[in-house]
């Protein structure tokens, strides 16, 4: 199935005073949880959904343990996970004065795995072969046009709402 997008208008004007339109991906239904993923994987494997669910939970536990022990975790075919600490505006003048008290945020960064073609172009594992379709071109009753301007995922207006320029952490 292709990724479906809809237009949204930015709330902030550009230098010329225009509020431009941009594509925004549409999400359907609730997020797929661990149990559902286990069921879908079990359909493709010789394991039960319970076995797969257990493996996924253990994977998350072991990944967390490794990441919090200053390790980078690479899952072939998926990508790399690493912890990033930020000290926004809390720099010090001397190397000897650097401390953990400067850290203002910690996040887990995911970088999808990619393959490099002979012509030098790179293809990300999770985004290769993607097709896009305008929401108006999708046939069927499962798509209802939403002209409210709100993103059904977060209930905020289309500009993202928090103004930080960074996507919110889905685990919070």
N, C-alpha and C. Protein backbone atom coordinates (compact mmCIF):
# COMPACT_ATOMS: atom_id res chain seq x y z
N UNK A 1 0.84 -1.17 0.00
CA UNK A 1 0.00 0.00 0.00
C UNK A 1 0.89 1.24 0.00
N UNK A 2 0.51 2.26 -0.72
CA UNK A 2 1.32 3.48 -0.78
C UNK A 2 1.14 4.35 0.46
N UNK A 3 2.06 5.30 0.63
CA UNK A 3 1.89 6.31 1.67
C UNK A 3 0.93 7.36 1.14
N UNK A 4 -0.05 7.70 1.95
CA UNK A 4 -1.08 8.63 1.53
C UNK A 4 -0.79 9.99 2.17
N UNK A 5 -0.93 11.03 1.37
CA UNK A 5 -0.67 12.38 1.88
C UNK A 5 -1.86 13.29 1.62
N UNK A 6 -1.88 14.37 2.37
CA UNK A 6 -2.89 15.40 2.17
C UNK A 6 -2.19 16.75 2.27
N UNK A 7 -2.76 17.78 1.68
CA UNK A 7 -2.15 19.11 1.78
C UNK A 7 -2.46 19.76 3.12
N UNK A 8 -1.51 20.55 3.61
CA UNK A 8 -1.79 21.40 4.76
C UNK A 8 -1.08 22.72 4.55
N UNK A 9 -1.63 23.76 5.13
CA UNK A 9 -1.08 25.09 4.97
C UNK A 9 -0.29 25.45 6.22
N UNK A 10 0.92 25.95 6.01
CA UNK A 10 1.75 26.38 7.12
C UNK A 10 1.09 27.55 7.84
N UNK A 11 1.27 27.63 9.13
CA UNK A 11 0.69 28.75 9.89
C UNK A 11 1.60 29.96 9.85
N UNK A 12 2.88 29.74 9.57
CA UNK A 12 3.84 30.84 9.47
C UNK A 12 4.06 31.20 8.01
N UNK A 13 4.10 32.48 7.73
CA UNK A 13 4.33 32.95 6.37
C UNK A 13 5.81 32.94 6.05
N UNK A 14 6.13 32.80 4.75
CA UNK A 14 7.52 32.86 4.31
C UNK A 14 7.94 34.32 4.19
N UNK A 15 9.14 34.57 3.64
CA UNK A 15 9.66 35.94 3.53
C UNK A 15 8.77 36.84 2.70
N UNK A 16 8.05 36.26 1.75
CA UNK A 16 7.16 37.03 0.88
C UNK A 16 5.77 37.20 1.48
N UNK A 17 5.55 36.70 2.69
CA UNK A 17 4.26 36.84 3.35
C UNK A 17 3.24 35.79 2.96
N UNK A 18 3.65 34.75 2.24
CA UNK A 18 2.73 33.71 1.80
C UNK A 18 2.73 32.54 2.79
N UNK A 19 1.56 32.00 3.04
CA UNK A 19 1.44 30.78 3.83
C UNK A 19 1.34 29.64 2.83
N UNK A 20 2.45 28.95 2.63
CA UNK A 20 2.54 27.92 1.60
C UNK A 20 1.91 26.61 2.06
N UNK A 21 1.60 25.77 1.07
CA UNK A 21 1.03 24.45 1.33
C UNK A 21 2.11 23.38 1.19
N UNK A 22 2.01 22.36 2.02
CA UNK A 22 2.97 21.27 2.02
C UNK A 22 2.23 19.94 2.13
N UNK A 23 2.86 18.84 1.69
CA UNK A 23 2.22 17.53 1.89
C UNK A 23 2.43 17.04 3.32
N UNK A 24 1.42 16.39 3.87
CA UNK A 24 1.52 15.78 5.19
C UNK A 24 1.02 14.35 5.07
N UNK A 25 1.78 13.40 5.59
CA UNK A 25 1.36 12.00 5.52
C UNK A 25 0.15 11.76 6.43
N UNK A 26 -0.76 10.93 5.95
CA UNK A 26 -1.97 10.59 6.68
C UNK A 26 -1.74 9.25 7.38
N UNK A 27 -2.12 9.17 8.64
CA UNK A 27 -2.04 7.92 9.39
C UNK A 27 -3.45 7.41 9.61
N UNK A 28 -3.64 6.10 9.55
CA UNK A 28 -4.95 5.49 9.73
C UNK A 28 -4.96 4.65 11.00
N UNK A 29 -6.03 4.77 11.74
CA UNK A 29 -6.22 3.94 12.93
C UNK A 29 -5.19 4.20 14.00
N UNK A 30 -5.15 3.29 14.94
CA UNK A 30 -4.22 3.39 16.06
C UNK A 30 -2.85 2.86 15.65
N UNK A 31 -1.85 3.20 16.43
CA UNK A 31 -0.50 2.68 16.20
C UNK A 31 -0.51 1.16 16.36
N UNK A 32 0.31 0.48 15.59
CA UNK A 32 0.41 -0.97 15.68
C UNK A 32 1.26 -1.29 16.91
N UNK A 33 0.69 -2.01 17.86
CA UNK A 33 1.41 -2.29 19.10
C UNK A 33 2.24 -3.58 18.99
N UNK A 34 2.96 -3.88 20.06
CA UNK A 34 3.84 -5.05 20.07
C UNK A 34 3.07 -6.34 19.82
N UNK A 35 1.90 -6.48 20.45
CA UNK A 35 1.12 -7.71 20.27
C UNK A 35 0.71 -7.89 18.82
N UNK A 36 0.24 -6.82 18.18
CA UNK A 36 -0.18 -6.91 16.78
C UNK A 36 1.02 -7.25 15.89
N UNK A 37 2.16 -6.61 16.16
CA UNK A 37 3.37 -6.92 15.39
C UNK A 37 3.73 -8.40 15.56
N UNK A 38 3.61 -8.90 16.79
CA UNK A 38 3.91 -10.32 17.04
C UNK A 38 2.99 -11.22 16.24
N UNK A 39 1.70 -10.86 16.18
CA UNK A 39 0.75 -11.66 15.41
C UNK A 39 1.08 -11.64 13.92
N UNK A 40 1.43 -10.47 13.41
CA UNK A 40 1.77 -10.35 11.99
C UNK A 40 3.05 -11.10 11.64
N UNK A 41 4.04 -11.04 12.53
CA UNK A 41 5.29 -11.78 12.31
C UNK A 41 5.05 -13.27 12.41
N UNK A 42 4.21 -13.70 13.36
CA UNK A 42 3.92 -15.13 13.54
C UNK A 42 3.28 -15.72 12.29
N UNK A 43 2.52 -14.90 11.54
CA UNK A 43 1.93 -15.38 10.29
C UNK A 43 2.99 -15.71 9.25
N UNK A 44 4.17 -15.12 9.39
CA UNK A 44 5.25 -15.32 8.42
C UNK A 44 6.33 -16.26 8.94
N UNK A 45 6.17 -16.74 10.16
CA UNK A 45 7.21 -17.56 10.79
C UNK A 45 6.60 -18.84 11.34
N UNK A 46 7.47 -19.69 11.84
CA UNK A 46 7.00 -20.96 12.41
C UNK A 46 6.90 -20.86 13.93
N UNK A 47 6.65 -19.65 14.44
CA UNK A 47 6.52 -19.43 15.87
C UNK A 47 5.10 -18.98 16.17
N UNK A 48 4.70 -19.11 17.43
CA UNK A 48 3.40 -18.60 17.84
C UNK A 48 3.50 -17.10 18.08
N UNK A 49 2.36 -16.43 18.11
CA UNK A 49 2.35 -15.00 18.40
C UNK A 49 2.94 -14.73 19.78
N UNK A 50 2.69 -15.61 20.74
CA UNK A 50 3.25 -15.46 22.08
C UNK A 50 4.76 -15.56 22.08
N UNK A 51 5.31 -16.51 21.30
CA UNK A 51 6.76 -16.65 21.20
C UNK A 51 7.38 -15.39 20.60
N UNK A 52 6.78 -14.89 19.53
CA UNK A 52 7.30 -13.69 18.86
C UNK A 52 7.20 -12.49 19.80
N UNK A 53 6.07 -12.37 20.50
CA UNK A 53 5.89 -11.26 21.44
C UNK A 53 6.98 -11.29 22.50
N UNK A 54 7.28 -12.47 23.00
CA UNK A 54 8.33 -12.62 24.00
C UNK A 54 9.69 -12.20 23.44
N UNK A 55 9.98 -12.60 22.21
CA UNK A 55 11.25 -12.22 21.58
C UNK A 55 11.33 -10.69 21.42
N UNK A 56 10.24 -10.07 20.98
CA UNK A 56 10.24 -8.61 20.80
C UNK A 56 10.47 -7.92 22.13
N UNK A 57 9.78 -8.36 23.17
CA UNK A 57 9.96 -7.73 24.50
C UNK A 57 11.39 -7.92 24.98
N UNK A 58 11.96 -9.10 24.76
CA UNK A 58 13.34 -9.32 25.17
C UNK A 58 14.31 -8.50 24.32
N UNK A 59 14.01 -8.34 23.04
CA UNK A 59 14.84 -7.50 22.18
C UNK A 59 14.87 -6.07 22.72
N UNK A 60 13.70 -5.54 23.06
CA UNK A 60 13.65 -4.18 23.60
C UNK A 60 14.44 -4.07 24.90
N UNK A 61 14.32 -5.05 25.76
CA UNK A 61 15.02 -5.04 27.05
C UNK A 61 16.54 -5.09 26.85
N UNK A 62 16.98 -5.98 25.98
CA UNK A 62 18.43 -6.11 25.72
C UNK A 62 18.96 -4.88 25.00
N UNK A 63 18.19 -4.33 24.06
CA UNK A 63 18.62 -3.11 23.38
C UNK A 63 18.78 -1.97 24.37
N UNK A 64 17.81 -1.80 25.26
CA UNK A 64 17.89 -0.74 26.27
C UNK A 64 19.13 -0.92 27.13
N UNK A 65 19.36 -2.14 27.56
CA UNK A 65 20.53 -2.45 28.39
C UNK A 65 21.82 -2.08 27.66
N UNK A 66 21.94 -2.45 26.40
CA UNK A 66 23.15 -2.16 25.63
C UNK A 66 23.30 -0.66 25.37
N UNK A 67 22.20 0.01 25.02
CA UNK A 67 22.25 1.45 24.77
C UNK A 67 22.65 2.22 26.02
N UNK A 68 22.14 1.80 27.18
CA UNK A 68 22.46 2.48 28.43
C UNK A 68 23.83 2.08 28.98
N UNK A 69 24.49 1.16 28.29
CA UNK A 69 25.89 0.83 28.61
C UNK A 69 26.81 1.42 27.55
N UNK A 70 26.38 2.53 26.95
CA UNK A 70 27.17 3.29 25.98
C UNK A 70 27.51 2.50 24.72
N UNK A 71 26.66 1.57 24.33
CA UNK A 71 26.87 0.80 23.11
C UNK A 71 25.93 1.30 22.03
N UNK A 72 26.32 1.09 20.79
CA UNK A 72 25.45 1.33 19.64
C UNK A 72 24.90 -0.02 19.22
N UNK A 73 23.62 -0.07 18.87
CA UNK A 73 22.99 -1.33 18.47
C UNK A 73 22.65 -1.24 16.99
N UNK A 74 23.16 -2.20 16.21
CA UNK A 74 22.86 -2.25 14.78
C UNK A 74 22.12 -3.55 14.49
N UNK A 75 20.92 -3.40 13.93
CA UNK A 75 20.13 -4.56 13.52
C UNK A 75 20.16 -4.60 11.99
N UNK A 76 20.87 -5.59 11.44
CA UNK A 76 21.05 -5.69 10.00
C UNK A 76 19.69 -5.73 9.31
N UNK A 77 19.57 -4.95 8.25
CA UNK A 77 18.33 -4.87 7.50
C UNK A 77 17.34 -3.86 8.07
N UNK A 78 17.58 -3.40 9.28
CA UNK A 78 16.70 -2.42 9.91
C UNK A 78 17.41 -1.09 10.10
N UNK A 79 18.45 -1.07 10.90
CA UNK A 79 19.18 0.17 11.12
C UNK A 79 19.95 0.17 12.42
N UNK A 80 20.41 1.36 12.79
CA UNK A 80 21.27 1.53 13.95
C UNK A 80 20.61 2.44 14.97
N UNK A 81 20.73 2.05 16.24
CA UNK A 81 20.21 2.83 17.36
C UNK A 81 21.39 3.30 18.20
N UNK A 82 21.37 4.56 18.60
CA UNK A 82 22.42 5.08 19.46
C UNK A 82 21.84 6.18 20.35
N UNK A 83 22.41 6.36 21.53
CA UNK A 83 21.94 7.39 22.46
C UNK A 83 22.65 8.71 22.14
N UNK A 84 21.88 9.80 22.20
CA UNK A 84 22.40 11.14 21.94
C UNK A 84 22.07 12.02 23.14
N UNK A 85 23.09 12.66 23.69
CA UNK A 85 22.89 13.60 24.79
C UNK A 85 23.08 15.01 24.25
N UNK A 86 22.23 15.93 24.69
CA UNK A 86 22.34 17.32 24.27
C UNK A 86 22.54 18.20 25.49
N UNK A 87 23.31 19.26 25.30
CA UNK A 87 23.57 20.24 26.37
C UNK A 87 23.26 21.63 25.82
N UNK A 88 22.04 21.79 25.36
CA UNK A 88 21.63 23.03 24.70
C UNK A 88 21.99 24.27 25.50
N UNK A 89 22.94 25.04 24.98
CA UNK A 89 23.31 26.31 25.60
C UNK A 89 23.98 26.20 26.94
N UNK A 90 24.46 25.04 27.31
CA UNK A 90 25.08 24.87 28.61
C UNK A 90 26.56 24.52 28.48
N UNK A 91 27.26 25.16 27.53
CA UNK A 91 28.68 24.92 27.36
C UNK A 91 29.50 25.55 28.47
N UNK A 92 30.70 25.01 28.65
CA UNK A 92 31.64 25.56 29.64
C UNK A 92 32.94 25.90 28.94
N UNK A 93 33.73 26.80 29.54
CA UNK A 93 34.95 27.28 28.90
C UNK A 93 36.12 26.32 29.03
N UNK A 94 36.15 25.49 30.07
CA UNK A 94 37.28 24.59 30.29
C UNK A 94 36.85 23.13 30.18
N UNK A 95 37.70 22.34 29.52
CA UNK A 95 37.43 20.91 29.37
C UNK A 95 37.24 20.24 30.73
N UNK A 96 38.01 20.66 31.71
CA UNK A 96 37.94 20.06 33.04
C UNK A 96 36.62 20.33 33.76
N UNK A 97 35.85 21.30 33.28
CA UNK A 97 34.58 21.66 33.90
C UNK A 97 33.37 20.93 33.28
N UNK A 98 33.59 20.11 32.24
CA UNK A 98 32.50 19.37 31.60
C UNK A 98 31.95 18.35 32.59
N UNK A 99 30.60 18.34 32.75
CA UNK A 99 29.98 17.38 33.65
C UNK A 99 28.61 16.95 33.12
N UNK A 100 28.09 15.91 33.70
CA UNK A 100 26.78 15.41 33.29
C UNK A 100 25.66 16.40 33.63
N UNK A 101 25.90 17.34 34.52
CA UNK A 101 24.89 18.34 34.86
C UNK A 101 24.56 19.23 33.67
N UNK A 102 25.42 19.27 32.67
CA UNK A 102 25.17 20.08 31.47
C UNK A 102 24.15 19.43 30.54
N UNK A 103 23.94 18.15 30.66
CA UNK A 103 23.04 17.43 29.75
C UNK A 103 21.61 17.85 30.03
N UNK A 104 20.95 18.38 28.98
CA UNK A 104 19.57 18.84 29.11
C UNK A 104 18.56 17.83 28.56
N UNK A 105 18.99 16.96 27.66
CA UNK A 105 18.08 15.94 27.13
C UNK A 105 18.86 14.75 26.63
N UNK A 106 18.18 13.62 26.64
CA UNK A 106 18.75 12.36 26.17
C UNK A 106 17.71 11.71 25.28
N UNK A 107 18.15 11.25 24.11
CA UNK A 107 17.21 10.58 23.21
C UNK A 107 17.92 9.44 22.50
N UNK A 108 17.11 8.51 22.03
CA UNK A 108 17.62 7.40 21.25
C UNK A 108 17.45 7.77 19.78
N UNK A 109 18.54 7.80 19.04
CA UNK A 109 18.48 8.13 17.61
C UNK A 109 18.49 6.85 16.79
N UNK A 110 17.57 6.78 15.84
CA UNK A 110 17.50 5.65 14.93
C UNK A 110 17.89 6.11 13.54
N UNK A 111 18.81 5.38 12.93
CA UNK A 111 19.21 5.64 11.55
C UNK A 111 18.92 4.39 10.74
N UNK A 112 17.97 4.47 9.79
CA UNK A 112 17.65 3.28 8.98
C UNK A 112 18.88 2.80 8.21
N UNK A 113 18.97 1.50 8.04
CA UNK A 113 20.07 0.94 7.25
C UNK A 113 19.88 1.35 5.79
N UNK A 114 20.98 1.49 5.09
CA UNK A 114 20.89 1.87 3.68
C UNK A 114 21.86 1.04 2.87
N UNK A 115 21.62 1.00 1.56
CA UNK A 115 22.54 0.36 0.63
C UNK A 115 23.01 1.43 -0.35
N UNK A 116 24.26 1.36 -0.73
CA UNK A 116 24.81 2.33 -1.67
C UNK A 116 24.91 1.67 -3.03
N UNK A 117 24.29 2.31 -4.02
CA UNK A 117 24.29 1.82 -5.39
C UNK A 117 25.62 2.16 -6.07
N UNK A 118 25.90 1.53 -7.21
CA UNK A 118 27.13 1.78 -7.95
C UNK A 118 27.23 3.23 -8.42
N UNK A 119 26.08 3.87 -8.68
CA UNK A 119 26.10 5.26 -9.14
C UNK A 119 26.27 6.25 -8.00
N UNK A 120 26.43 5.75 -6.76
CA UNK A 120 26.66 6.62 -5.62
C UNK A 120 25.42 6.97 -4.83
N UNK A 121 24.23 6.65 -5.35
CA UNK A 121 23.01 6.97 -4.61
C UNK A 121 22.80 5.95 -3.49
N UNK A 122 22.14 6.40 -2.43
CA UNK A 122 21.88 5.52 -1.29
C UNK A 122 20.38 5.29 -1.17
N UNK A 123 20.01 4.09 -0.74
CA UNK A 123 18.61 3.74 -0.54
C UNK A 123 18.44 3.27 0.90
N UNK A 124 17.56 3.91 1.65
CA UNK A 124 17.27 3.51 3.03
C UNK A 124 16.40 2.26 3.02
N UNK A 125 16.69 1.32 3.91
CA UNK A 125 16.00 0.04 3.94
C UNK A 125 14.49 0.19 4.13
N UNK A 126 14.07 1.08 5.00
CA UNK A 126 12.64 1.19 5.30
C UNK A 126 11.89 2.08 4.33
N UNK A 127 12.60 2.75 3.43
CA UNK A 127 11.92 3.68 2.53
C UNK A 127 12.10 3.34 1.06
N UNK A 128 12.72 2.23 0.75
CA UNK A 128 12.92 1.89 -0.66
C UNK A 128 11.61 1.43 -1.27
N UNK A 129 11.37 1.85 -2.51
CA UNK A 129 10.19 1.44 -3.25
C UNK A 129 8.89 2.09 -2.79
N UNK A 130 8.98 3.21 -2.09
CA UNK A 130 7.78 3.87 -1.58
C UNK A 130 7.04 4.59 -2.71
N UNK A 131 5.72 4.51 -2.67
CA UNK A 131 4.87 5.26 -3.59
C UNK A 131 4.02 6.21 -2.76
N UNK A 132 3.68 7.36 -3.35
CA UNK A 132 2.83 8.34 -2.67
C UNK A 132 1.53 8.50 -3.45
N UNK A 133 0.42 8.66 -2.73
CA UNK A 133 -0.88 8.86 -3.34
C UNK A 133 -1.59 9.98 -2.58
N UNK A 134 -2.18 10.92 -3.32
CA UNK A 134 -2.96 11.99 -2.71
C UNK A 134 -4.20 11.37 -2.08
N UNK A 135 -4.60 11.88 -0.93
CA UNK A 135 -5.74 11.32 -0.22
C UNK A 135 -7.00 11.34 -1.08
N UNK A 136 -7.15 12.30 -1.97
CA UNK A 136 -8.33 12.37 -2.83
C UNK A 136 -8.34 11.26 -3.88
N UNK A 137 -7.18 10.67 -4.17
CA UNK A 137 -7.09 9.62 -5.17
C UNK A 137 -7.30 8.22 -4.59
N UNK A 138 -7.47 8.14 -3.28
CA UNK A 138 -7.66 6.84 -2.64
C UNK A 138 -9.14 6.51 -2.71
N UNK A 139 -9.43 5.35 -3.27
CA UNK A 139 -10.83 4.93 -3.36
C UNK A 139 -11.17 4.06 -2.17
N UNK A 140 -12.41 4.05 -1.80
CA UNK A 140 -12.84 3.22 -0.68
C UNK A 140 -13.38 4.08 0.44
N UNK A 141 -14.10 3.47 1.31
CA UNK A 141 -14.77 4.21 2.37
C UNK A 141 -13.92 4.39 3.61
N UNK A 142 -12.71 3.80 3.66
CA UNK A 142 -11.92 3.92 4.87
C UNK A 142 -11.23 5.27 4.98
N UNK A 143 -11.28 6.10 3.94
CA UNK A 143 -10.67 7.43 3.99
C UNK A 143 -11.77 8.47 4.00
N UNK A 144 -11.79 9.28 5.02
CA UNK A 144 -12.74 10.40 5.08
C UNK A 144 -11.94 11.68 5.00
N UNK A 145 -12.34 12.59 4.14
CA UNK A 145 -11.64 13.87 4.02
C UNK A 145 -11.79 14.62 5.34
N UNK A 146 -10.67 15.10 5.85
CA UNK A 146 -10.65 15.83 7.10
C UNK A 146 -10.17 17.24 6.82
N UNK A 147 -11.08 18.18 6.82
CA UNK A 147 -10.73 19.56 6.53
C UNK A 147 -10.55 20.37 7.80
N UNK A 148 -10.45 19.71 8.95
CA UNK A 148 -10.33 20.44 10.20
C UNK A 148 -8.96 21.08 10.35
N UNK A 149 -7.96 20.59 9.60
CA UNK A 149 -6.61 21.14 9.72
C UNK A 149 -5.83 20.54 10.86
N UNK A 150 -6.45 19.62 11.60
CA UNK A 150 -5.73 19.01 12.71
C UNK A 150 -5.18 17.66 12.30
N UNK A 151 -4.02 17.33 12.87
CA UNK A 151 -3.40 16.03 12.63
C UNK A 151 -4.05 15.04 13.58
N UNK A 152 -4.66 13.95 13.08
CA UNK A 152 -5.33 13.01 13.97
C UNK A 152 -4.37 12.32 14.92
N UNK A 153 -3.07 12.34 14.63
CA UNK A 153 -2.11 11.67 15.51
C UNK A 153 -1.88 12.43 16.80
N UNK A 154 -1.87 13.78 16.72
CA UNK A 154 -1.52 14.52 17.92
C UNK A 154 -2.53 15.58 18.32
N UNK A 155 -3.52 15.82 17.49
CA UNK A 155 -4.53 16.80 17.83
C UNK A 155 -4.07 18.23 17.72
N UNK A 156 -2.82 18.45 17.30
CA UNK A 156 -2.29 19.79 17.16
C UNK A 156 -2.54 20.31 15.76
N UNK A 157 -2.39 21.58 15.60
CA UNK A 157 -2.54 22.19 14.28
C UNK A 157 -1.40 21.73 13.38
N UNK A 158 -1.53 21.85 12.06
CA UNK A 158 -0.57 21.30 11.10
C UNK A 158 0.86 21.81 11.22
N UNK A 159 1.12 22.90 11.92
CA UNK A 159 2.49 23.38 12.00
C UNK A 159 3.32 22.56 12.97
N UNK A 160 2.75 21.58 13.64
CA UNK A 160 3.48 20.74 14.57
C UNK A 160 3.24 21.16 16.00
N UNK A 161 2.89 22.42 16.23
CA UNK A 161 2.45 22.85 17.54
C UNK A 161 3.52 23.22 18.53
N UNK A 162 4.59 22.44 18.68
CA UNK A 162 5.51 22.75 19.76
C UNK A 162 6.65 23.66 19.34
N UNK A 163 6.88 23.87 18.05
CA UNK A 163 7.85 24.83 17.58
C UNK A 163 9.29 24.45 17.80
N UNK A 164 9.58 23.24 18.30
CA UNK A 164 10.96 22.86 18.59
C UNK A 164 11.69 22.38 17.35
N UNK A 165 10.96 22.03 16.29
CA UNK A 165 11.60 21.53 15.09
C UNK A 165 11.98 20.07 15.20
N UNK A 166 11.73 19.45 16.35
CA UNK A 166 12.07 18.05 16.55
C UNK A 166 10.79 17.28 16.83
N UNK A 167 10.70 16.10 16.27
CA UNK A 167 9.51 15.28 16.47
C UNK A 167 9.44 14.86 17.92
N UNK A 168 8.22 14.76 18.48
CA UNK A 168 8.09 14.33 19.87
C UNK A 168 8.49 12.88 20.03
N UNK A 169 8.98 12.55 21.22
CA UNK A 169 9.36 11.18 21.53
C UNK A 169 8.10 10.34 21.69
N UNK A 170 7.89 9.31 20.82
CA UNK A 170 6.66 8.52 20.90
C UNK A 170 6.53 7.71 22.16
N UNK A 171 7.62 7.54 22.93
CA UNK A 171 7.55 6.74 24.16
C UNK A 171 7.02 7.54 25.33
N UNK A 172 6.85 8.86 25.16
CA UNK A 172 6.40 9.68 26.27
C UNK A 172 4.92 9.90 26.21
